[in-house]
């Protein structure tokens, strides 16, 4: 991947600040905060405790890690983002393409943000943050960076969708659970499985609009590797897996949480009917956000 934006030395400070804000992807950081809240509310329902100080430290460290991962992603995807036609949910932030600022700037910002997360963890590990949370956050940071950059570069090898589902669908909410409780139970893992499936479907949908640009630069997502029929079959298999997992959890989840989860199934079915026929991944994104909101509200209702 060659340097595509050599104009950094001439960029003014205001432009660079705007680029750093956009490439941190604030809407996605807010979504990560929502998923963290989903895990925190699950822990609240399990224990009846809401350790505010621990959650403040845990969320601050996670936000910095998330920003660093987004910067790494913008760095790695500079070429494909230049070639693709963006949607509100795909194609990167567009800030590097729009301004000509060097992608090395966002790589440096990623290192700084990651160092900030290390600082927060160093100051709170074993005190506000349980050690299990530290190890889970470290796994998120390593896998998040390796999603985009080498040596593993999962997104370039057809593994990005699965890795992202593991990160955003399981590790992130379980990290929030561990911050509150110092442990992760099998019941908590099971409760997060439907959301992990939807995160996988979201990655299938958000990589679809970028498939031609990704193929042009050698980024081998599933959307570039597989036929349209196979992709659609995989999406519908995911919808079936979501339904089967939800049914299997009927006796394990509180009724309010189970209803909140099952209620998203029609939205996923609608999204499946549009997948590969519509460039916009909005239906799947909306279903994923709706599930996070619904589960968070349901867990809080159970807790109170």
C-alpha atoms as a PDB file:
ATOM      1  CA  UNK A   1       0.000   0.000   0.000  1.00  0.00           C
ATOM      2  CA  UNK A   2       1.706   3.135  -1.195  1.00  0.00           C
ATOM      3  CA  UNK A   3       1.528   6.619   0.276  1.00  0.00           C
ATOM      4  CA  UNK A   4      -1.375   8.361  -1.420  1.00  0.00           C
ATOM      5  CA  UNK A   5      -1.571  11.713   0.359  1.00  0.00           C
ATOM      6  CA  UNK A   6       1.801  13.488   0.355  1.00  0.00           C
ATOM      7  CA  UNK A   7       0.307  16.895   1.111  1.00  0.00           C
ATOM      8  CA  UNK A   8       0.631  16.673   4.910  1.00  0.00           C
ATOM      9  CA  UNK A   9       3.484  19.205   5.302  1.00  0.00           C
ATOM     10  CA  UNK A  10       1.367  21.947   3.689  1.00  0.00           C
ATOM     11  CA  UNK A  11      -1.786  21.198   5.698  1.00  0.00           C
ATOM     12  CA  UNK A  12      -2.771  23.750   8.315  1.00  0.00           C
ATOM     13  CA  UNK A  13      -3.434  22.862  11.926  1.00  0.00           C
ATOM     14  CA  UNK A  14      -7.183  23.349  11.615  1.00  0.00           C
ATOM     15  CA  UNK A  15      -7.358  20.924   8.708  1.00  0.00           C
ATOM     16  CA  UNK A  16      -5.324  18.330  10.575  1.00  0.00           C
ATOM     17  CA  UNK A  17      -7.516  18.707  13.672  1.00  0.00           C
ATOM     18  CA  UNK A  18     -10.629  18.194  11.543  1.00  0.00           C
ATOM     19  CA  UNK A  19      -9.083  15.119   9.914  1.00  0.00           C
ATOM     20  CA  UNK A  20      -8.166  13.633  13.292  1.00  0.00           C
ATOM     21  CA  UNK A  21     -11.715  14.207  14.543  1.00  0.00           C
ATOM     22  CA  UNK A  22     -13.323  12.637  11.465  1.00  0.00           C
ATOM     23  CA  UNK A  23     -10.963   9.686  11.225  1.00  0.00           C
ATOM     24  CA  UNK A  24     -11.547   8.830  14.878  1.00  0.00           C
ATOM     25  CA  UNK A  25     -15.113   8.127  13.648  1.00  0.00           C
ATOM     26  CA  UNK A  26     -17.091   9.642  16.536  1.00  0.00           C
ATOM     27  CA  UNK A  27     -20.393   7.957  15.550  1.00  0.00           C
ATOM     28  CA  UNK A  28     -18.714   4.559  15.768  1.00  0.00           C
ATOM     29  CA  UNK A  29     -17.120   5.445  19.098  1.00  0.00           C
ATOM     30  CA  UNK A  30     -20.613   6.331  20.347  1.00  0.00           C
ATOM     31  CA  UNK A  31     -21.873   2.974  19.070  1.00  0.00           C
ATOM     32  CA  UNK A  32     -19.064   1.253  20.946  1.00  0.00           C
ATOM     33  CA  UNK A  33     -20.199   3.152  24.021  1.00  0.00           C
ATOM     34  CA  UNK A  34     -23.701   1.787  23.457  1.00  0.00           C
ATOM     35  CA  UNK A  35     -22.403  -1.781  23.216  1.00  0.00           C
ATOM     36  CA  UNK A  36     -20.371  -1.182  26.372  1.00  0.00           C
ATOM     37  CA  UNK A  37     -23.585   0.020  28.046  1.00  0.00           C
ATOM     38  CA  UNK A  38     -25.279  -3.197  26.932  1.00  0.00           C
ATOM     39  CA  UNK A  39     -22.610  -5.256  28.694  1.00  0.00           C
ATOM     40  CA  UNK A  40     -22.673  -3.004  31.759  1.00  0.00           C
ATOM     41  CA  UNK A  41     -26.450  -3.311  32.031  1.00  0.00           C
ATOM     42  CA  UNK A  42     -26.155  -7.108  31.777  1.00  0.00           C
ATOM     43  CA  UNK A  43     -23.699  -7.070  34.686  1.00  0.00           C
ATOM     44  CA  UNK A  44     -26.007  -4.724  36.627  1.00  0.00           C
ATOM     45  CA  UNK A  45     -28.870  -7.186  36.173  1.00  0.00           C
ATOM     46  CA  UNK A  46     -26.656 -10.074  37.309  1.00  0.00           C
ATOM     47  CA  UNK A  47     -25.205  -8.434  40.416  1.00  0.00           C
ATOM     48  CA  UNK A  48     -27.340  -5.412  41.293  1.00  0.00           C
ATOM     49  CA  UNK A  49     -24.123  -3.368  41.429  1.00  0.00           C
ATOM     50  CA  UNK A  50     -23.151  -0.456  39.195  1.00  0.00           C
ATOM     51  CA  UNK A  51     -19.540   0.543  39.988  1.00  0.00           C
ATOM     52  CA  UNK A  52     -19.424   4.007  38.450  1.00  0.00           C
ATOM     53  CA  UNK A  53     -15.711   4.592  38.994  1.00  0.00           C
ATOM     54  CA  UNK A  54     -14.733   1.299  37.400  1.00  0.00           C
ATOM     55  CA  UNK A  55     -17.016   1.909  34.432  1.00  0.00           C
ATOM     56  CA  UNK A  56     -15.612   5.415  33.942  1.00  0.00           C
ATOM     57  CA  UNK A  57     -12.077   4.022  33.762  1.00  0.00           C
ATOM     58  CA  UNK A  58     -13.125   1.074  31.627  1.00  0.00           C
ATOM     59  CA  UNK A  59     -15.041   3.199  29.158  1.00  0.00           C
ATOM     60  CA  UNK A  60     -12.263   5.796  28.892  1.00  0.00           C
ATOM     61  CA  UNK A  61      -9.690   3.106  28.121  1.00  0.00           C
ATOM     62  CA  UNK A  62     -12.001   1.452  25.613  1.00  0.00           C
ATOM     63  CA  UNK A  63     -12.761   4.745  23.843  1.00  0.00           C
ATOM     64  CA  UNK A  64      -9.051   5.411  23.389  1.00  0.00           C
ATOM     65  CA  UNK A  65      -8.459   1.884  22.084  1.00  0.00           C
ATOM     66  CA  UNK A  66     -11.408   2.267  19.693  1.00  0.00           C
ATOM     67  CA  UNK A  67     -10.087   5.578  18.372  1.00  0.00           C
ATOM     68  CA  UNK A  68      -6.654   4.029  17.842  1.00  0.00           C
ATOM     69  CA  UNK A  69      -8.180   1.136  15.909  1.00  0.00           C
ATOM     70  CA  UNK A  70     -10.174   3.545  13.744  1.00  0.00           C
ATOM     71  CA  UNK A  71      -7.032   5.521  12.967  1.00  0.00           C
ATOM     72  CA  UNK A  72      -5.240   2.307  11.993  1.00  0.00           C
ATOM     73  CA  UNK A  73      -8.163   1.358   9.762  1.00  0.00           C
ATOM     74  CA  UNK A  74      -8.146   4.749   8.022  1.00  0.00           C
ATOM     75  CA  UNK A  75      -4.399   4.396   7.480  1.00  0.00           C
ATOM     76  CA  UNK A  76      -4.684   0.918   5.997  1.00  0.00           C
ATOM     77  CA  UNK A  77      -7.732   1.734   3.838  1.00  0.00           C
ATOM     78  CA  UNK A  78      -6.470   5.009   2.351  1.00  0.00           C
ATOM     79  CA  UNK A  79      -6.282   3.563  -1.166  1.00  0.00           C
ATOM     80  CA  UNK A  80      -9.575   1.697  -1.189  1.00  0.00           C
ATOM     81  CA  UNK A  81     -11.347   4.721   0.354  1.00  0.00           C
ATOM     82  CA  UNK A  82      -9.988   6.848  -2.485  1.00  0.00           C
ATOM     83  CA  UNK A  83     -11.502   4.500  -5.072  1.00  0.00           C
ATOM     84  CA  UNK A  84     -14.883   3.702  -3.555  1.00  0.00           C
ATOM     85  CA  UNK A  85     -18.141   5.618  -3.423  1.00  0.00           C
ATOM     86  CA  UNK A  86     -18.875   6.240   0.244  1.00  0.00           C
ATOM     87  CA  UNK A  87     -22.145   5.578   2.016  1.00  0.00           C
ATOM     88  CA  UNK A  88     -22.916   6.839   5.547  1.00  0.00           C
ATOM     89  CA  UNK A  89     -21.833   3.410   6.835  1.00  0.00           C
ATOM     90  CA  UNK A  90     -19.006   2.351   4.504  1.00  0.00           C
ATOM     91  CA  UNK A  91     -15.999   3.743   2.681  1.00  0.00           C
ATOM     92  CA  UNK A  92     -14.261   5.224   5.702  1.00  0.00           C
ATOM     93  CA  UNK A  93     -14.551   8.802   6.909  1.00  0.00           C
ATOM     94  CA  UNK A  94     -13.436  10.292   3.599  1.00  0.00           C
ATOM     95  CA  UNK A  95     -11.318  12.876   5.452  1.00  0.00           C
ATOM     96  CA  UNK A  96      -7.961  11.859   3.970  1.00  0.00           C
ATOM     97  CA  UNK A  97      -9.365  11.791   0.455  1.00  0.00           C
ATOM     98  CA  UNK A  98     -11.051  15.154   0.901  1.00  0.00           C
ATOM     99  CA  UNK A  99      -8.071  17.004   2.374  1.00  0.00           C
ATOM    100  CA  UNK A 100      -4.979  15.278   1.026  1.00  0.00           C
ATOM    101  CA  UNK A 101      -3.514  14.986   4.527  1.00  0.00           C
ATOM    102  CA  UNK A 102      -0.989  12.156   4.728  1.00  0.00           C
ATOM    103  CA  UNK A 103      -2.204   8.859   6.062  1.00  0.00           C
ATOM    104  CA  UNK A 104       0.935   8.768   8.200  1.00  0.00           C
ATOM    105  CA  UNK A 105      -0.730  11.431  10.350  1.00  0.00           C
ATOM    106  CA  UNK A 106      -3.594   9.137  11.345  1.00  0.00           C
ATOM    107  CA  UNK A 107      -1.170   6.284  11.954  1.00  0.00           C
ATOM    108  CA  UNK A 108       0.710   8.512  14.386  1.00  0.00           C
ATOM    109  CA  UNK A 109      -2.589   9.516  15.996  1.00  0.00           C
ATOM    110  CA  UNK A 110      -3.421   5.832  16.415  1.00  0.00           C
ATOM    111  CA  UNK A 111      -0.166   5.233  18.268  1.00  0.00           C
ATOM    112  CA  UNK A 112      -0.815   8.237  20.522  1.00  0.00           C
ATOM    113  CA  UNK A 113      -4.377   7.112  21.291  1.00  0.00           C
ATOM    114  CA  UNK A 114      -3.157   3.609  22.073  1.00  0.00           C
ATOM    115  CA  UNK A 115      -0.503   5.055  24.376  1.00  0.00           C
ATOM    116  CA  UNK A 116      -3.241   7.029  26.116  1.00  0.00           C
ATOM    117  CA  UNK A 117      -5.192   3.823  26.685  1.00  0.00           C
ATOM    118  CA  UNK A 118      -2.086   2.188  28.126  1.00  0.00           C
ATOM    119  CA  UNK A 119      -1.737   5.153  30.466  1.00  0.00           C
ATOM    120  CA  UNK A 120      -5.310   4.804  31.713  1.00  0.00           C
ATOM    121  CA  UNK A 121      -4.873   1.076  32.209  1.00  0.00           C
ATOM    122  CA  UNK A 122      -1.543   1.494  34.004  1.00  0.00           C
ATOM    123  CA  UNK A 123      -3.107   3.964  36.414  1.00  0.00           C
ATOM    124  CA  UNK A 124      -6.176   1.839  37.179  1.00  0.00           C
ATOM    125  CA  UNK A 125      -5.189  -1.823  36.697  1.00  0.00           C
ATOM    126  CA  UNK A 126      -5.937  -3.916  39.750  1.00  0.00           C
ATOM    127  CA  UNK A 127      -7.656  -0.946  41.398  1.00  0.00           C
ATOM    128  CA  UNK A 128     -10.591   0.371  39.346  1.00  0.00           C
ATOM    129  CA  UNK A 129     -10.021  -2.071  36.492  1.00  0.00           C
ATOM    130  CA  UNK A 130      -9.905  -5.817  37.284  1.00  0.00           C
ATOM    131  CA  UNK A 131      -7.005  -7.681  35.720  1.00  0.00           C
ATOM    132  CA  UNK A 132      -9.371  -9.749  33.595  1.00  0.00           C
ATOM    133  CA  UNK A 133     -10.606  -6.499  32.033  1.00  0.00           C
ATOM    134  CA  UNK A 134      -7.020  -5.476  31.299  1.00  0.00           C
ATOM    135  CA  UNK A 135      -6.381  -8.715  29.420  1.00  0.00           C
ATOM    136  CA  UNK A 136      -9.649  -8.471  27.503  1.00  0.00           C
ATOM    137  CA  UNK A 137      -8.878  -4.887  26.517  1.00  0.00           C
ATOM    138  CA  UNK A 138      -5.409  -5.937  25.391  1.00  0.00           C
ATOM    139  CA  UNK A 139      -6.995  -8.605  23.185  1.00  0.00           C
ATOM    140  CA  UNK A 140      -9.344  -5.999  21.710  1.00  0.00           C
ATOM    141  CA  UNK A 141      -6.416  -3.692  20.951  1.00  0.00           C
ATOM    142  CA  UNK A 142      -4.281  -6.379  19.328  1.00  0.00           C
ATOM    143  CA  UNK A 143      -7.092  -7.879  17.260  1.00  0.00           C
ATOM    144  CA  UNK A 144      -8.449  -4.437  16.391  1.00  0.00           C
ATOM    145  CA  UNK A 145      -5.134  -3.247  14.990  1.00  0.00           C
ATOM    146  CA  UNK A 146      -4.493  -6.559  13.265  1.00  0.00           C
ATOM    147  CA  UNK A 147      -7.908  -6.260  11.618  1.00  0.00           C
ATOM    148  CA  UNK A 148      -6.376  -3.567   9.399  1.00  0.00           C
ATOM    149  CA  UNK A 149      -2.575  -3.658   9.531  1.00  0.00           C
ATOM    150  CA  UNK A 150       0.090  -6.333   9.279  1.00  0.00           C
ATOM    151  CA  UNK A 151       1.396  -8.799   9.902  1.00  0.00           C
ATOM    152  CA  UNK A 152      -2.030 -10.451  10.105  1.00  0.00           C
ATOM    153  CA  UNK A 153      -4.278  -7.819   8.433  1.00  0.00           C
ATOM    154  CA  UNK A 154      -7.397  -9.945   8.916  1.00  0.00           C
ATOM    155  CA  UNK A 155      -9.614  -7.711   6.762  1.00  0.00           C
ATOM    156  CA  UNK A 156      -7.275  -8.250   3.821  1.00  0.00           C
ATOM    157  CA  UNK A 157      -7.386 -12.053   4.163  1.00  0.00           C
ATOM    158  CA  UNK A 158     -11.106 -12.795   4.299  1.00  0.00           C
ATOM    159  CA  UNK A 159     -11.130 -13.050   8.100  1.00  0.00           C
ATOM    160  CA  UNK A 160     -12.176  -9.512   8.977  1.00  0.00           C
ATOM    161  CA  UNK A 161     -15.877 -10.247   9.236  1.00  0.00           C
ATOM    162  CA  UNK A 162     -15.365 -13.056  11.740  1.00  0.00           C
ATOM    163  CA  UNK A 163     -12.764 -11.149  13.765  1.00  0.00           C
ATOM    164  CA  UNK A 164     -14.987  -8.066  13.942  1.00  0.00           C
ATOM    165  CA  UNK A 165     -17.918 -10.176  15.151  1.00  0.00           C
ATOM    166  CA  UNK A 166     -15.674 -11.573  17.883  1.00  0.00           C
ATOM    167  CA  UNK A 167     -14.469  -8.093  18.835  1.00  0.00           C
ATOM    168  CA  UNK A 168     -17.644  -6.040  18.684  1.00  0.00           C
ATOM    169  CA  UNK A 169     -20.142  -8.780  19.363  1.00  0.00           C
ATOM    170  CA  UNK A 170     -18.473 -10.689  22.183  1.00  0.00           C
ATOM    171  CA  UNK A 171     -15.275  -9.188  23.597  1.00  0.00           C
ATOM    172  CA  UNK A 172     -16.597  -5.635  23.893  1.00  0.00           C
ATOM    173  CA  UNK A 173     -19.766  -6.380  25.928  1.00  0.00           C
ATOM    174  CA  UNK A 174     -17.934  -9.042  27.937  1.00  0.00           C
ATOM    175  CA  UNK A 175     -15.210  -6.513  28.714  1.00  0.00           C
ATOM    176  CA  UNK A 176     -17.909  -4.266  30.204  1.00  0.00           C
ATOM    177  CA  UNK A 177     -19.218  -7.211  32.227  1.00  0.00           C
ATOM    178  CA  UNK A 178     -15.729  -7.926  33.543  1.00  0.00           C
ATOM    179  CA  UNK A 179     -15.185  -4.286  34.537  1.00  0.00           C
ATOM    180  CA  UNK A 180     -18.244  -4.503  36.786  1.00  0.00           C
ATOM    181  CA  UNK A 181     -17.797  -8.013  38.129  1.00  0.00           C
ATOM    182  CA  UNK A 182     -14.170  -9.080  37.658  1.00  0.00           C
ATOM    183  CA  UNK A 183     -15.358 -12.223  35.885  1.00  0.00           C
ATOM    184  CA  UNK A 184     -17.157 -13.476  32.787  1.00  0.00           C
ATOM    185  CA  UNK A 185     -19.710 -16.270  33.116  1.00  0.00           C
ATOM    186  CA  UNK A 186     -20.909 -18.700  30.465  1.00  0.00           C
ATOM    187  CA  UNK A 187     -24.370 -17.195  30.903  1.00  0.00           C
ATOM    188  CA  UNK A 188     -23.000 -13.772  29.920  1.00  0.00           C
ATOM    189  CA  UNK A 189     -21.247 -15.245  26.881  1.00  0.00           C
ATOM    190  CA  UNK A 190     -24.456 -16.970  25.791  1.00  0.00           C
ATOM    191  CA  UNK A 191     -26.467 -13.775  26.241  1.00  0.00           C
ATOM    192  CA  UNK A 192     -24.131 -11.937  23.841  1.00  0.00           C
ATOM    193  CA  UNK A 193     -24.214 -14.564  21.071  1.00  0.00           C
ATOM    194  CA  UNK A 194     -27.244 -13.168  19.172  1.00  0.00           C
ATOM    195  CA  UNK A 195     -25.606  -9.750  19.047  1.00  0.00           C
ATOM    196  CA  UNK A 196     -22.336 -11.277  17.794  1.00  0.00           C
ATOM    197  CA  UNK A 197     -24.234 -12.884  14.900  1.00  0.00           C
ATOM    198  CA  UNK A 198     -25.757  -9.530  13.961  1.00  0.00           C
ATOM    199  CA  UNK A 199     -22.333  -7.859  14.064  1.00  0.00           C
ATOM    200  CA  UNK A 200     -21.119 -10.477  11.569  1.00  0.00           C
ATOM    201  CA  UNK A 201     -24.075  -9.726   9.300  1.00  0.00           C
ATOM    202  CA  UNK A 202     -23.334  -6.031   9.623  1.00  0.00           C
ATOM    203  CA  UNK A 203     -19.788  -6.606   8.371  1.00  0.00           C
ATOM    204  CA  UNK A 204     -21.097  -8.581   5.403  1.00  0.00           C
ATOM    205  CA  UNK A 205     -23.370  -5.682   4.514  1.00  0.00           C
ATOM    206  CA  UNK A 206     -20.933  -2.820   5.099  1.00  0.00           C
ATOM    207  CA  UNK A 207     -18.169  -4.427   3.005  1.00  0.00           C
ATOM    208  CA  UNK A 208     -20.495  -5.006   0.055  1.00  0.00           C
ATOM    209  CA  UNK A 209     -20.465  -1.385  -1.284  1.00  0.00           C
ATOM    210  CA  UNK A 210     -16.643  -1.324  -1.204  1.00  0.00           C
ATOM    211  CA  UNK A 211     -16.094  -4.658  -2.932  1.00  0.00           C
ATOM    212  CA  UNK A 212     -14.802  -3.295  -6.258  1.00  0.00           C
ATOM    213  CA  UNK A 213     -12.443  -0.795  -4.637  1.00  0.00           C
ATOM    214  CA  UNK A 214     -11.251  -3.449  -2.185  1.00  0.00           C
ATOM    215  CA  UNK A 215     -10.593  -5.898  -5.024  1.00  0.00           C
ATOM    216  CA  UNK A 216      -8.647  -3.251  -6.927  1.00  0.00           C
ATOM    217  CA  UNK A 217      -6.165  -2.767  -4.088  1.00  0.00           C
ATOM    218  CA  UNK A 218      -5.975  -6.430  -3.054  1.00  0.00           C
ATOM    219  CA  UNK A 219      -8.144  -6.260   0.042  1.00  0.00           C
ATOM    220  CA  UNK A 220      -9.746  -9.703   0.044  1.00  0.00           C
ATOM    221  CA  UNK A 221     -12.938  -9.334   2.059  1.00  0.00           C
ATOM    222  CA  UNK A 222     -15.623 -11.982   1.714  1.00  0.00           C
ATOM    223  CA  UNK A 223     -17.491  -9.601  -0.603  1.00  0.00           C
ATOM    224  CA  UNK A 224     -14.538  -9.726  -3.025  1.00  0.00           C
ATOM    225  CA  UNK A 225     -13.908 -13.457  -2.639  1.00  0.00           C
ATOM    226  CA  UNK A 226     -17.391 -14.922  -2.867  1.00  0.00           C
ATOM    227  CA  UNK A 227     -20.156 -14.875  -5.431  1.00  0.00           C
ATOM    228  CA  UNK A 228     -23.332 -12.901  -4.843  1.00  0.00           C
ATOM    229  CA  UNK A 229     -25.268 -16.122  -4.322  1.00  0.00           C
ATOM    230  CA  UNK A 230     -22.849 -17.405  -1.717  1.00  0.00           C
ATOM    231  CA  UNK A 231     -22.888 -14.075   0.098  1.00  0.00           C
ATOM    232  CA  UNK A 232     -26.679 -14.016   0.195  1.00  0.00           C
ATOM    233  CA  UNK A 233     -26.743 -17.605   1.390  1.00  0.00           C
ATOM    234  CA  UNK A 234     -24.288 -16.746   4.164  1.00  0.00           C
ATOM    235  CA  UNK A 235     -26.380 -13.750   5.202  1.00  0.00           C
ATOM    236  CA  UNK A 236     -29.556 -15.810   5.400  1.00  0.00           C
ATOM    237  CA  UNK A 237     -27.679 -18.536   7.289  1.00  0.00           C
ATOM    238  CA  UNK A 238     -26.746 -15.838   9.784  1.00  0.00           C
ATOM    239  CA  UNK A 239     -30.405 -14.807  10.117  1.00  0.00           C
ATOM    240  CA  UNK A 240     -31.305 -18.445  10.778  1.00  0.00           C
ATOM    241  CA  UNK A 241     -28.447 -18.716  13.295  1.00  0.00           C
ATOM    242  CA  UNK A 242     -29.715 -15.599  15.065  1.00  0.00           C
ATOM    243  CA  UNK A 243     -33.225 -17.057  15.267  1.00  0.00           C
ATOM    244  CA  UNK A 244     -31.979 -20.470  16.426  1.00  0.00           C
ATOM    245  CA  UNK A 245     -29.703 -18.946  19.068  1.00  0.00           C
ATOM    246  CA  UNK A 246     -32.513 -16.749  20.343  1.00  0.00           C
ATOM    247  CA  UNK A 247     -34.873 -19.713  20.589  1.00  0.00           C
ATOM    248  CA  UNK A 248     -32.203 -21.748  22.378  1.00  0.00           C
ATOM    249  CA  UNK A 249     -31.838 -18.964  24.946  1.00  0.00           C
ATOM    250  CA  UNK A 250     -35.552 -18.736  25.695  1.00  0.00           C
ATOM    251  CA  UNK A 251     -35.175 -20.317  29.130  1.00  0.00           C
ATOM    252  CA  UNK A 252     -31.794 -18.726  29.899  1.00  0.00           C
ATOM    253  CA  UNK A 253     -32.603 -15.066  29.280  1.00  0.00           C
ATOM    254  CA  UNK A 254     -35.024 -12.958  31.316  1.00  0.00           C
ATOM    255  CA  UNK A 255     -38.289 -12.680  29.392  1.00  0.00           C
ATOM    256  CA  UNK A 256     -37.851  -8.937  28.759  1.00  0.00           C
ATOM    257  CA  UNK A 257     -34.395  -9.495  27.245  1.00  0.00           C
ATOM    258  CA  UNK A 258     -35.594 -12.432  25.168  1.00  0.00           C
ATOM    259  CA  UNK A 259     -38.506 -10.424  23.740  1.00  0.00           C
ATOM    260  CA  UNK A 260     -36.201  -7.481  23.001  1.00  0.00           C
ATOM    261  CA  UNK A 261     -33.850  -9.811  21.127  1.00  0.00           C
ATOM    262  CA  UNK A 262     -36.530 -11.684  19.182  1.00  0.00           C
ATOM    263  CA  UNK A 263     -38.164  -8.419  18.147  1.00  0.00           C
ATOM    264  CA  UNK A 264     -35.190  -7.630  15.889  1.00  0.00           C
ATOM    265  CA  UNK A 265     -35.727 -10.724  13.718  1.00  0.00           C
ATOM    266  CA  UNK A 266     -38.170  -9.040  11.265  1.00  0.00           C
ATOM    267  CA  UNK A 267     -35.668  -6.212  10.719  1.00  0.00           C
ATOM    268  CA  UNK A 268     -32.948  -8.744   9.925  1.00  0.00           C
ATOM    269  CA  UNK A 269     -35.237 -10.567   7.519  1.00  0.00           C
ATOM    270  CA  UNK A 270     -35.983  -7.266   5.773  1.00  0.00           C
ATOM    271  CA  UNK A 271     -32.251  -6.502   5.582  1.00  0.00           C
ATOM    272  CA  UNK A 272     -31.574  -9.966   4.183  1.00  0.00           C
ATOM    273  CA  UNK A 273     -34.042  -9.357   1.387  1.00  0.00           C
ATOM    274  CA  UNK A 274     -32.123  -6.216   0.374  1.00  0.00           C
ATOM    275  CA  UNK A 275     -28.569  -7.508   0.819  1.00  0.00           C
ATOM    276  CA  UNK A 276     -26.550  -7.318  -2.441  1.00  0.00           C
ATOM    277  CA  UNK A 277     -29.479  -5.637  -4.241  1.00  0.00           C
ATOM    278  CA  UNK A 278     -29.056  -2.292  -2.453  1.00  0.00           C
ATOM    279  CA  UNK A 279     -25.710  -0.511  -1.982  1.00  0.00           C
ATOM    280  CA  UNK A 280     -26.694   0.926   1.357  1.00  0.00           C
ATOM    281  CA  UNK A 281     -26.052  -1.300   4.394  1.00  0.00           C
ATOM    282  CA  UNK A 282     -28.437   0.868   6.436  1.00  0.00           C
ATOM    283  CA  UNK A 283     -31.044  -1.872   7.136  1.00  0.00           C
ATOM    284  CA  UNK A 284     -28.499  -4.151   8.823  1.00  0.00           C
ATOM    285  CA  UNK A 285     -26.856  -1.254  10.654  1.00  0.00           C
ATOM    286  CA  UNK A 286     -30.253  -0.159  11.974  1.00  0.00           C
ATOM    287  CA  UNK A 287     -31.037  -3.722  13.089  1.00  0.00           C
ATOM    288  CA  UNK A 288     -27.714  -3.961  14.933  1.00  0.00           C
ATOM    289  CA  UNK A 289     -28.176  -0.631  16.711  1.00  0.00           C
ATOM    290  CA  UNK A 290     -31.791  -1.485  17.533  1.00  0.00           C
ATOM    291  CA  UNK A 291     -30.691  -4.760  19.116  1.00  0.00           C
ATOM    292  CA  UNK A 292     -28.067  -3.012  21.257  1.00  0.00           C
ATOM    293  CA  UNK A 293     -30.573  -0.385  22.405  1.00  0.00           C
ATOM    294  CA  UNK A 294     -33.328  -2.928  23.048  1.00  0.00           C
ATOM    295  CA  UNK A 295     -31.088  -5.283  25.015  1.00  0.00           C
ATOM    296  CA  UNK A 296     -29.628  -2.455  27.080  1.00  0.00           C
ATOM    297  CA  UNK A 297     -33.085  -1.170  27.979  1.00  0.00           C
ATOM    298  CA  UNK A 298     -34.305  -4.691  28.760  1.00  0.00           C
ATOM    299  CA  UNK A 299     -31.337  -5.523  31.021  1.00  0.00           C
ATOM    300  CA  UNK A 300     -31.829  -2.240  32.881  1.00  0.00           C
ATOM    301  CA  UNK A 301     -35.521  -3.046  33.302  1.00  0.00           C
ATOM    302  CA  UNK A 302     -34.595  -6.427  34.749  1.00  0.00           C
ATOM    303  CA  UNK A 303     -32.037  -4.826  37.068  1.00  0.00           C
ATOM    304  CA  UNK A 304     -34.479  -2.324  38.480  1.00  0.00           C
END
